[in-house]
Amino acid sequence: MKCFEYNKKNKLPCQKNKCRYWVDNNCAQNCCINIVRDDNFNEDKFTLQDIGDLFKVTRMRICQIEKTAINKIKSKFLQDTKKG
């Protein structure tokens, strides 16, 4: 069982603050994986501000990360379509 599954099942906050998935959010057992997978969180759409607050960065920084991720996905998609 992975740590995020264990923590969610036992309703324990994660103490591994060096983990790449750790966020300061006790409602989700301090794990961004639980935030994404939890139906209670997914009922509402997250705004850039909401995500920035979770990760303690600005809304603008989240916007930059989103743009970079979308460009990487588009680039990968274009590469794959040229191959096949």
C-alpha atoms as a PDB file:
ATOM      1  CA  MET A   1       0.000   0.000   0.000  1.00  0.00           C
ATOM      2  CA  LYS A   2       1.362   3.397  -0.945  1.00  0.00           C
ATOM      3  CA  CYS A   3       1.700   6.049   1.715  1.00  0.00           C
ATOM      4  CA  PHE A   4      -1.099   8.246   0.347  1.00  0.00           C
ATOM      5  CA  GLU A   5      -3.479   5.261   0.334  1.00  0.00           C
ATOM      6  CA  TYR A   6      -2.473   4.315   3.870  1.00  0.00           C
ATOM      7  CA  ASN A   7      -2.876   7.864   5.172  1.00  0.00           C
ATOM      8  CA  LYS A   8      -6.255   8.309   3.516  1.00  0.00           C
ATOM      9  CA  LYS A   9      -7.548   4.943   4.739  1.00  0.00           C
ATOM     10  CA  ASN A  10      -6.419   5.645   8.316  1.00  0.00           C
ATOM     11  CA  LYS A  11      -7.275   9.375   8.154  1.00  0.00           C
ATOM     12  CA  LEU A  12      -3.734  10.323   9.132  1.00  0.00           C
ATOM     13  CA  PRO A  13      -1.907  13.392   7.851  1.00  0.00           C
ATOM     14  CA  CYS A  14       1.306  12.607   6.013  1.00  0.00           C
ATOM     15  CA  GLN A  15       4.418  13.608   7.913  1.00  0.00           C
ATOM     16  CA  LYS A  16       6.811  13.211   4.936  1.00  0.00           C
ATOM     17  CA  ASN A  17       7.151  16.902   4.134  1.00  0.00           C
ATOM     18  CA  LYS A  18      10.133  16.160   1.858  1.00  0.00           C
ATOM     19  CA  CYS A  19       7.872  14.108  -0.435  1.00  0.00           C
ATOM     20  CA  ARG A  20       7.237  15.693  -3.826  1.00  0.00           C
ATOM     21  CA  TYR A  21       3.481  15.225  -3.321  1.00  0.00           C
ATOM     22  CA  TRP A  22       3.332  16.797   0.143  1.00  0.00           C
ATOM     23  CA  VAL A  23       1.206  19.935   0.587  1.00  0.00           C
ATOM     24  CA  ASP A  24       0.176  21.703   3.749  1.00  0.00           C
ATOM     25  CA  ASN A  25      -3.470  20.615   3.658  1.00  0.00           C
ATOM     26  CA  ASN A  26      -4.731  18.404   6.481  1.00  0.00           C
ATOM     27  CA  CYS A  27      -8.104  17.882   4.786  1.00  0.00           C
ATOM     28  CA  ALA A  28      -6.331  15.769   2.164  1.00  0.00           C
ATOM     29  CA  GLN A  29      -3.839  14.156   4.556  1.00  0.00           C
ATOM     30  CA  ASN A  30      -1.172  16.604   3.272  1.00  0.00           C
ATOM     31  CA  CYS A  31      -1.007  14.852  -0.092  1.00  0.00           C
ATOM     32  CA  CYS A  32      -1.762  16.373  -3.484  1.00  0.00           C
ATOM     33  CA  ILE A  33      -2.541  12.886  -4.843  1.00  0.00           C
ATOM     34  CA  ASN A  34      -5.416  12.639  -2.384  1.00  0.00           C
ATOM     35  CA  ILE A  35      -6.632  16.086  -3.437  1.00  0.00           C
ATOM     36  CA  VAL A  36      -6.804  15.050  -7.088  1.00  0.00           C
ATOM     37  CA  ARG A  37      -8.403  11.655  -6.368  1.00  0.00           C
ATOM     38  CA  ASP A  38     -10.878  12.786  -3.711  1.00  0.00           C
ATOM     39  CA  ASP A  39     -14.446  13.232  -4.940  1.00  0.00           C
ATOM     40  CA  ASN A  40     -15.126  15.847  -2.250  1.00  0.00           C
ATOM     41  CA  PHE A  41     -12.423  18.053  -3.746  1.00  0.00           C
ATOM     42  CA  ASN A  42     -13.357  17.278  -7.352  1.00  0.00           C
ATOM     43  CA  GLU A  43     -16.966  18.466  -7.016  1.00  0.00           C
ATOM     44  CA  ASP A  44     -15.732  22.011  -7.484  1.00  0.00           C
ATOM     45  CA  LYS A  45     -13.243  23.094 -10.091  1.00  0.00           C
ATOM     46  CA  PHE A  46     -10.009  24.510  -8.742  1.00  0.00           C
ATOM     47  CA  THR A  47      -9.071  28.029  -9.743  1.00  0.00           C
ATOM     48  CA  LEU A  48      -5.454  29.002 -10.325  1.00  0.00           C
ATOM     49  CA  GLN A  49      -5.656  30.866  -7.023  1.00  0.00           C
ATOM     50  CA  ASP A  50      -6.867  27.726  -5.205  1.00  0.00           C
ATOM     51  CA  ILE A  51      -3.969  25.696  -6.578  1.00  0.00           C
ATOM     52  CA  GLY A  52      -1.499  28.460  -5.758  1.00  0.00           C
ATOM     53  CA  ASP A  53      -2.776  28.568  -2.192  1.00  0.00           C
ATOM     54  CA  LEU A  54      -2.305  24.799  -1.840  1.00  0.00           C
ATOM     55  CA  PHE A  55       1.302  24.966  -3.018  1.00  0.00           C
ATOM     56  CA  LYS A  56       2.066  28.344  -1.465  1.00  0.00           C
ATOM     57  CA  VAL A  57       2.905  30.022  -4.760  1.00  0.00           C
ATOM     58  CA  THR A  58       1.210  32.829  -6.637  1.00  0.00           C
ATOM     59  CA  ARG A  59      -1.644  32.444  -9.074  1.00  0.00           C
ATOM     60  CA  MET A  60       0.673  33.772 -11.760  1.00  0.00           C
ATOM     61  CA  ARG A  61       3.268  31.057 -11.063  1.00  0.00           C
ATOM     62  CA  ILE A  62       0.572  28.387 -11.431  1.00  0.00           C
ATOM     63  CA  CYS A  63      -0.431  30.005 -14.722  1.00  0.00           C
ATOM     64  CA  GLN A  64       3.201  29.795 -15.924  1.00  0.00           C
ATOM     65  CA  ILE A  65       3.453  26.135 -14.914  1.00  0.00           C
ATOM     66  CA  GLU A  66       0.150  25.366 -16.649  1.00  0.00           C
ATOM     67  CA  LYS A  67       1.304  27.070 -19.854  1.00  0.00           C
ATOM     68  CA  THR A  68       4.605  25.162 -19.827  1.00  0.00           C
ATOM     69  CA  ALA A  69       2.809  21.849 -19.267  1.00  0.00           C
ATOM     70  CA  ILE A  70       0.334  22.504 -22.081  1.00  0.00           C
ATOM     71  CA  ASN A  71       3.157  23.406 -24.466  1.00  0.00           C
ATOM     72  CA  LYS A  72       5.023  20.189 -23.571  1.00  0.00           C
ATOM     73  CA  ILE A  73       1.888  18.126 -24.174  1.00  0.00           C
ATOM     74  CA  LYS A  74       1.258  19.849 -27.517  1.00  0.00           C
ATOM     75  CA  SER A  75       4.878  19.321 -28.561  1.00  0.00           C
ATOM     76  CA  LYS A  76       4.757  15.623 -27.639  1.00  0.00           C
ATOM     77  CA  PHE A  77       1.443  15.214 -29.472  1.00  0.00           C
ATOM     78  CA  LEU A  78       2.846  16.834 -32.619  1.00  0.00           C
ATOM     79  CA  GLN A  79       5.930  14.602 -32.487  1.00  0.00           C
ATOM     80  CA  ASP A  80       3.778  11.495 -32.127  1.00  0.00           C
ATOM     81  CA  THR A  81       1.472  12.467 -35.008  1.00  0.00           C
ATOM     82  CA  LYS A  82       4.465  13.066 -37.311  1.00  0.00           C
ATOM     83  CA  LYS A  83       5.805   9.570 -36.509  1.00  0.00           C
ATOM     84  CA  GLY A  84       2.571   7.742 -37.229  1.00  0.00           C
END
